[in-house]
C-alpha atoms as a PDB file:
ATOM      1  CA  MET A   1     -27.540 -10.480  10.319  1.00  0.00           C
ATOM      2  CA  LYS A   2     -26.556 -11.166   6.804  1.00  0.00           C
ATOM      3  CA  ARG A   3     -23.191 -12.543   6.172  1.00  0.00           C
ATOM      4  CA  TYR A   4     -20.813 -11.356   3.319  1.00  0.00           C
ATOM      5  CA  CYS A   5     -17.450 -11.493   1.886  1.00  0.00           C
ATOM      6  CA  ALA A   6     -15.437  -8.478   1.046  1.00  0.00           C
ATOM      7  CA  PHE A   7     -12.949  -9.423  -1.711  1.00  0.00           C
ATOM      8  CA  PHE A   8     -10.434  -6.420  -1.383  1.00  0.00           C
ATOM      9  CA  ALA A   9      -8.354  -5.428  -4.424  1.00  0.00           C
ATOM     10  CA  SER A  10      -4.371  -5.199  -4.354  1.00  0.00           C
ATOM     11  CA  MET A  11      -4.264  -6.155  -0.888  1.00  0.00           C
ATOM     12  CA  ASN A  12      -0.976  -8.253  -0.259  1.00  0.00           C
ATOM     13  CA  VAL A  13       0.329  -7.802  -3.674  1.00  0.00           C
ATOM     14  CA  GLY A  14       2.929  -5.135  -4.947  1.00  0.00           C
ATOM     15  CA  GLY A  15       3.539  -2.754  -1.971  1.00  0.00           C
ATOM     16  CA  HIS A  16       0.281  -3.027  -0.060  1.00  0.00           C
ATOM     17  CA  ARG A  17       1.250  -5.432   2.509  1.00  0.00           C
ATOM     18  CA  LEU A  18      -1.303  -5.793   5.409  1.00  0.00           C
ATOM     19  CA  LYS A  19      -1.597  -8.142   8.232  1.00  0.00           C
ATOM     20  CA  MET A  20      -4.831  -9.776   8.037  1.00  0.00           C
ATOM     21  CA  THR A  21      -5.192  -9.334  12.115  1.00  0.00           C
ATOM     22  CA  ASP A  22      -4.823  -5.658  11.709  1.00  0.00           C
ATOM     23  CA  LEU A  23      -7.462  -5.847   9.046  1.00  0.00           C
ATOM     24  CA  ARG A  24      -9.767  -7.793  11.152  1.00  0.00           C
ATOM     25  CA  ASP A  25      -9.418  -5.571  14.207  1.00  0.00           C
ATOM     26  CA  ALA A  26      -9.973  -2.373  12.185  1.00  0.00           C
ATOM     27  CA  LEU A  27     -13.174  -3.877  10.820  1.00  0.00           C
ATOM     28  CA  GLU A  28     -14.376  -5.337  14.065  1.00  0.00           C
ATOM     29  CA  ARG A  29     -13.930  -1.664  15.436  1.00  0.00           C
ATOM     30  CA  GLU A  30     -16.531  -0.542  12.836  1.00  0.00           C
ATOM     31  CA  GLU A  31     -18.997  -2.827  14.160  1.00  0.00           C
ATOM     32  CA  LEU A  32     -18.866  -5.615  11.732  1.00  0.00           C
ATOM     33  CA  GLU A  33     -19.620  -9.028  13.539  1.00  0.00           C
ATOM     34  CA  ASP A  34     -18.011 -12.345  13.270  1.00  0.00           C
ATOM     35  CA  VAL A  35     -15.098 -11.053  11.049  1.00  0.00           C
ATOM     36  CA  GLU A  36     -12.793 -13.784   9.683  1.00  0.00           C
ATOM     37  CA  THR A  37     -10.093 -13.648   7.236  1.00  0.00           C
ATOM     38  CA  VAL A  38      -9.683 -16.493   4.541  1.00  0.00           C
ATOM     39  CA  VAL A  39      -6.098 -16.619   3.125  1.00  0.00           C
ATOM     40  CA  ALA A  40      -3.867 -13.593   3.305  1.00  0.00           C
ATOM     41  CA  SER A  41      -5.003 -11.912   0.331  1.00  0.00           C
ATOM     42  CA  GLY A  42      -7.842  -9.739   1.366  1.00  0.00           C
ATOM     43  CA  ASN A  43     -10.990 -12.054   1.579  1.00  0.00           C
ATOM     44  CA  VAL A  44     -12.732 -11.154   4.848  1.00  0.00           C
ATOM     45  CA  LEU A  45     -16.103 -12.562   5.869  1.00  0.00           C
ATOM     46  CA  PHE A  46     -18.148 -10.639   8.432  1.00  0.00           C
ATOM     47  CA  SER A  47     -21.912 -10.282   9.373  1.00  0.00           C
ATOM     48  CA  PHE A  48     -23.749  -6.952   9.117  1.00  0.00           C
ATOM     49  CA  ASP A  49     -27.070  -5.345   9.151  1.00  0.00           C
ATOM     50  CA  ASP A  50     -28.786  -6.057   5.600  1.00  0.00           C
ATOM     51  CA  ARG A  51     -27.772  -3.220   3.737  1.00  0.00           C
ATOM     52  CA  PRO A  52     -26.959  -2.706  -0.112  1.00  0.00           C
ATOM     53  CA  SER A  53     -23.414  -4.165  -1.096  1.00  0.00           C
ATOM     54  CA  ASP A  54     -22.642  -0.933  -2.816  1.00  0.00           C
ATOM     55  CA  GLY A  55     -22.727   1.129   0.427  1.00  0.00           C
ATOM     56  CA  LEU A  56     -20.565  -1.643   2.143  1.00  0.00           C
ATOM     57  CA  SER A  57     -17.915  -1.640  -0.467  1.00  0.00           C
ATOM     58  CA  GLU A  58     -17.711   2.297  -0.066  1.00  0.00           C
ATOM     59  CA  MET A  59     -17.232   1.947   3.839  1.00  0.00           C
ATOM     60  CA  LEU A  60     -14.615  -0.848   3.734  1.00  0.00           C
ATOM     61  CA  ALA A  61     -12.479   0.901   1.054  1.00  0.00           C
ATOM     62  CA  TYR A  62     -12.682   4.172   3.136  1.00  0.00           C
ATOM     63  CA  ILE A  63     -11.971   2.186   6.407  1.00  0.00           C
ATOM     64  CA  VAL A  64      -8.641   0.763   4.695  1.00  0.00           C
ATOM     65  CA  LYS A  65      -7.659   4.273   3.369  1.00  0.00           C
ATOM     66  CA  ASP A  66      -8.109   5.921   6.360  1.00  0.00           C
ATOM     67  CA  ARG A  67      -6.322   3.215   8.913  1.00  0.00           C
ATOM     68  CA  PHE A  68      -3.894   1.861   6.494  1.00  0.00           C
ATOM     69  CA  GLY A  69      -3.278   4.602   3.970  1.00  0.00           C
ATOM     70  CA  PHE A  70      -3.858   2.945   0.479  1.00  0.00           C
ATOM     71  CA  ASP A  71      -6.431   3.230  -2.011  1.00  0.00           C
ATOM     72  CA  THR A  72      -8.521   0.005  -2.735  1.00  0.00           C
ATOM     73  CA  PHE A  73     -12.060  -1.183  -3.461  1.00  0.00           C
ATOM     74  CA  ALA A  74     -13.855  -4.101  -2.046  1.00  0.00           C
ATOM     75  CA  ALA A  75     -16.262  -6.199  -3.893  1.00  0.00           C
ATOM     76  CA  VAL A  76     -18.744  -7.210  -1.453  1.00  0.00           C
ATOM     77  CA  ARG A  77     -20.775 -10.184  -2.018  1.00  0.00           C
ATOM     78  CA  ASN A  78     -23.429 -12.250   0.007  1.00  0.00           C
ATOM     79  CA  ALA A  79     -23.371 -16.181   0.084  1.00  0.00           C
ATOM     80  CA  ASP A  80     -25.771 -16.413  -3.034  1.00  0.00           C
ATOM     81  CA  GLU A  81     -23.641 -13.996  -5.002  1.00  0.00           C
ATOM     82  CA  VAL A  82     -20.426 -15.807  -4.023  1.00  0.00           C
ATOM     83  CA  ARG A  83     -21.984 -19.152  -5.262  1.00  0.00           C
ATOM     84  CA  ALA A  84     -23.214 -17.440  -8.374  1.00  0.00           C
ATOM     85  CA  ALA A  85     -19.518 -16.019  -9.038  1.00  0.00           C
ATOM     86  CA  PHE A  86     -18.487 -19.950  -9.636  1.00  0.00           C
ATOM     87  CA  GLU A  87     -21.736 -21.386 -10.805  1.00  0.00           C
ATOM     88  CA  GLN A  88     -22.194 -18.817 -13.517  1.00  0.00           C
ATOM     89  CA  ASN A  89     -18.593 -18.655 -14.769  1.00  0.00           C
ATOM     90  CA  PRO A  90     -19.182 -20.435 -18.202  1.00  0.00           C
ATOM     91  CA  PHE A  91     -15.432 -21.909 -17.749  1.00  0.00           C
ATOM     92  CA  HIS A  92     -16.022 -23.468 -14.409  1.00  0.00           C
ATOM     93  CA  GLY A  93     -15.786 -27.202 -14.542  1.00  0.00           C
ATOM     94  CA  GLU A  94     -14.098 -27.092 -18.010  1.00  0.00           C
ATOM     95  CA  GLY A  95     -10.845 -25.533 -16.930  1.00  0.00           C
ATOM     96  CA  GLU A  96      -8.622 -26.080 -13.962  1.00  0.00           C
ATOM     97  CA  ASP A  97     -10.128 -24.314 -10.815  1.00  0.00           C
ATOM     98  CA  LYS A  98      -6.754 -22.403 -10.235  1.00  0.00           C
ATOM     99  CA  GLN A  99      -6.744 -21.029 -13.684  1.00  0.00           C
ATOM    100  CA  VAL A 100     -10.271 -20.224 -14.120  1.00  0.00           C
ATOM    101  CA  HIS A 101     -11.347 -16.874 -12.416  1.00  0.00           C
ATOM    102  CA  THR A 102     -13.941 -14.339 -11.910  1.00  0.00           C
ATOM    103  CA  LEU A 103     -12.894 -10.537 -11.866  1.00  0.00           C
ATOM    104  CA  PHE A 104     -15.281  -8.701  -9.711  1.00  0.00           C
ATOM    105  CA  LEU A 105     -15.433  -4.887 -11.224  1.00  0.00           C
ATOM    106  CA  ASN A 106     -16.035  -1.825  -9.261  1.00  0.00           C
ATOM    107  CA  ALA A 107     -18.975  -0.916 -11.808  1.00  0.00           C
ATOM    108  CA  PRO A 108     -20.551  -2.970 -14.422  1.00  0.00           C
ATOM    109  CA  ALA A 109     -18.659  -2.961 -17.854  1.00  0.00           C
ATOM    110  CA  ASP A 110     -19.861  -1.333 -20.674  1.00  0.00           C
ATOM    111  CA  PRO A 111     -20.559  -4.250 -23.238  1.00  0.00           C
ATOM    112  CA  ALA A 112     -19.188  -2.271 -25.931  1.00  0.00           C
ATOM    113  CA  ALA A 113     -15.786  -1.579 -24.065  1.00  0.00           C
ATOM    114  CA  PHE A 114     -15.686  -5.284 -23.195  1.00  0.00           C
ATOM    115  CA  GLU A 115     -16.014  -6.437 -27.099  1.00  0.00           C
ATOM    116  CA  MET A 116     -13.436  -3.777 -27.674  1.00  0.00           C
ATOM    117  CA  MET A 117     -10.897  -5.429 -25.175  1.00  0.00           C
ATOM    118  CA  VAL A 118     -11.826  -8.817 -26.331  1.00  0.00           C
ATOM    119  CA  ALA A 119     -10.899  -7.724 -30.122  1.00  0.00           C
ATOM    120  CA  ALA A 120      -7.775  -6.015 -28.933  1.00  0.00           C
ATOM    121  CA  TYR A 121      -6.458  -9.268 -27.034  1.00  0.00           C
ATOM    122  CA  GLU A 122      -7.330 -11.388 -29.925  1.00  0.00           C
ATOM    123  CA  GLY A 123      -4.344 -13.763 -30.928  1.00  0.00           C
ATOM    124  CA  ARG A 124      -2.118 -12.728 -27.924  1.00  0.00           C
ATOM    125  CA  GLY A 125      -2.972 -15.879 -25.993  1.00  0.00           C
ATOM    126  CA  PRO A 126      -5.143 -18.714 -25.128  1.00  0.00           C
ATOM    127  CA  GLU A 127      -7.244 -17.156 -22.618  1.00  0.00           C
ATOM    128  CA  ARG A 128     -10.877 -17.250 -22.849  1.00  0.00           C
ATOM    129  CA  ILE A 129     -13.088 -14.297 -21.448  1.00  0.00           C
ATOM    130  CA  ALA A 130     -16.855 -13.876 -20.893  1.00  0.00           C
ATOM    131  CA  LEU A 131     -18.758 -10.967 -19.836  1.00  0.00           C
ATOM    132  CA  GLY A 132     -20.853 -11.491 -16.460  1.00  0.00           C
ATOM    133  CA  ASP A 133     -23.071  -9.421 -14.429  1.00  0.00           C
ATOM    134  CA  GLY A 134     -20.808  -6.970 -12.562  1.00  0.00           C
ATOM    135  CA  CYS A 135     -17.843  -9.263 -13.470  1.00  0.00           C
ATOM    136  CA  ILE A 136     -15.892 -10.821 -16.080  1.00  0.00           C
ATOM    137  CA  TYR A 137     -14.747 -14.481 -16.543  1.00  0.00           C
ATOM    138  CA  VAL A 138     -11.481 -15.603 -17.582  1.00  0.00           C
ATOM    139  CA  ASP A 139      -9.933 -19.023 -18.006  1.00  0.00           C
ATOM    140  CA  TYR A 140      -6.140 -18.430 -17.871  1.00  0.00           C
ATOM    141  CA  VAL A 141      -5.332 -21.713 -19.285  1.00  0.00           C
ATOM    142  CA  GLU A 142      -1.826 -21.880 -19.065  1.00  0.00           C
ATOM    143  CA  GLY A 143      -1.724 -19.794 -15.930  1.00  0.00           C
ATOM    144  CA  VAL A 144      -2.274 -16.311 -14.646  1.00  0.00           C
ATOM    145  CA  GLY A 145       1.762 -15.529 -14.322  1.00  0.00           C
ATOM    146  CA  GLN A 146       2.182 -16.523 -18.067  1.00  0.00           C
ATOM    147  CA  SER A 147      -0.616 -14.485 -19.579  1.00  0.00           C
ATOM    148  CA  LYS A 148      -0.517 -11.351 -21.462  1.00  0.00           C
ATOM    149  CA  LEU A 149      -4.188 -10.715 -20.295  1.00  0.00           C
ATOM    150  CA  THR A 150      -2.972  -8.530 -17.229  1.00  0.00           C
ATOM    151  CA  GLY A 151      -4.700  -6.224 -14.693  1.00  0.00           C
ATOM    152  CA  PRO A 152      -3.709  -2.965 -16.733  1.00  0.00           C
ATOM    153  CA  PHE A 153      -4.571  -4.222 -19.841  1.00  0.00           C
ATOM    154  CA  ILE A 154      -8.108  -5.250 -18.620  1.00  0.00           C
ATOM    155  CA  GLY A 155      -8.509  -1.865 -16.402  1.00  0.00           C
ATOM    156  CA  ARG A 156      -7.487   0.423 -19.164  1.00  0.00           C
ATOM    157  CA  ARG A 157      -9.837  -0.895 -21.712  1.00  0.00           C
ATOM    158  CA  LEU A 158     -12.954  -1.364 -19.446  1.00  0.00           C
ATOM    159  CA  GLU A 159     -11.956   1.758 -17.103  1.00  0.00           C
ATOM    160  CA  ARG A 160     -12.852  -0.359 -14.188  1.00  0.00           C
ATOM    161  CA  ARG A 161     -11.094  -1.514 -11.022  1.00  0.00           C
ATOM    162  CA  PHE A 162     -11.235  -5.074 -10.140  1.00  0.00           C
ATOM    163  CA  THR A 163     -10.247  -7.838  -8.036  1.00  0.00           C
ATOM    164  CA  ALA A 164      -9.942 -11.506  -9.146  1.00  0.00           C
ATOM    165  CA  ARG A 165     -10.564 -14.780  -7.296  1.00  0.00           C
ATOM    166  CA  ASN A 166     -10.176 -18.341  -8.749  1.00  0.00           C
ATOM    167  CA  MET A 167     -12.727 -20.987  -8.746  1.00  0.00           C
ATOM    168  CA  ALA A 168     -10.832 -22.984  -5.731  1.00  0.00           C
ATOM    169  CA  SER A 169     -10.643 -19.774  -3.507  1.00  0.00           C
ATOM    170  CA  LEU A 170     -14.386 -19.063  -4.194  1.00  0.00           C
ATOM    171  CA  LYS A 171     -15.342 -22.311  -3.448  1.00  0.00           C
ATOM    172  CA  ARG A 172     -13.701 -22.448  -0.253  1.00  0.00           C
ATOM    173  CA  ILE A 173     -14.859 -19.140   0.768  1.00  0.00           C
ATOM    174  CA  HIS A 174     -18.455 -20.182  -0.055  1.00  0.00           C
ATOM    175  CA  GLU A 175     -18.278 -22.933   2.147  1.00  0.00           C
ATOM    176  CA  LYS A 176     -16.808 -21.073   5.073  1.00  0.00           C
ATOM    177  CA  MET A 177     -20.076 -18.664   4.601  1.00  0.00           C
ATOM    178  CA  ALA A 178     -22.579 -21.418   4.954  1.00  0.00           C
END
């Protein structure tokens, strides 16, 4: 069985509060094995028969909607993909691990829409932004809470849903997957 991590969007932020034990129990009932949550922000490690990540993403989002009543999406990545999420981030090793993020998108970004987003943000803040494969990379330099590069700003311009994790979290999750 292959080991995966599901990075759930909008979980335990805003109004979508969910106990990780409840989420873990729901996923175990769906035949996921070795289910383990990492931090209370929607990171779930699990084992499952080898299957395309997209199908797993849809299945996990459906489970949360069905069992807990809120809409989310889950970016599902295997251990190699989690490692790539920090190793391929061009700001990893330059910025502070807690300020440098990989934003997992629910579908690849259109490069033209990405360039338009970057142009629309120019001059608003010190953040550095780069396009990745199915993700974008952001160095929030002065902190996410201080940034004008907000979720709604990104989501509207890219027309994508996403969930973000910083380098420290991704490294911790990758270690647990090993």
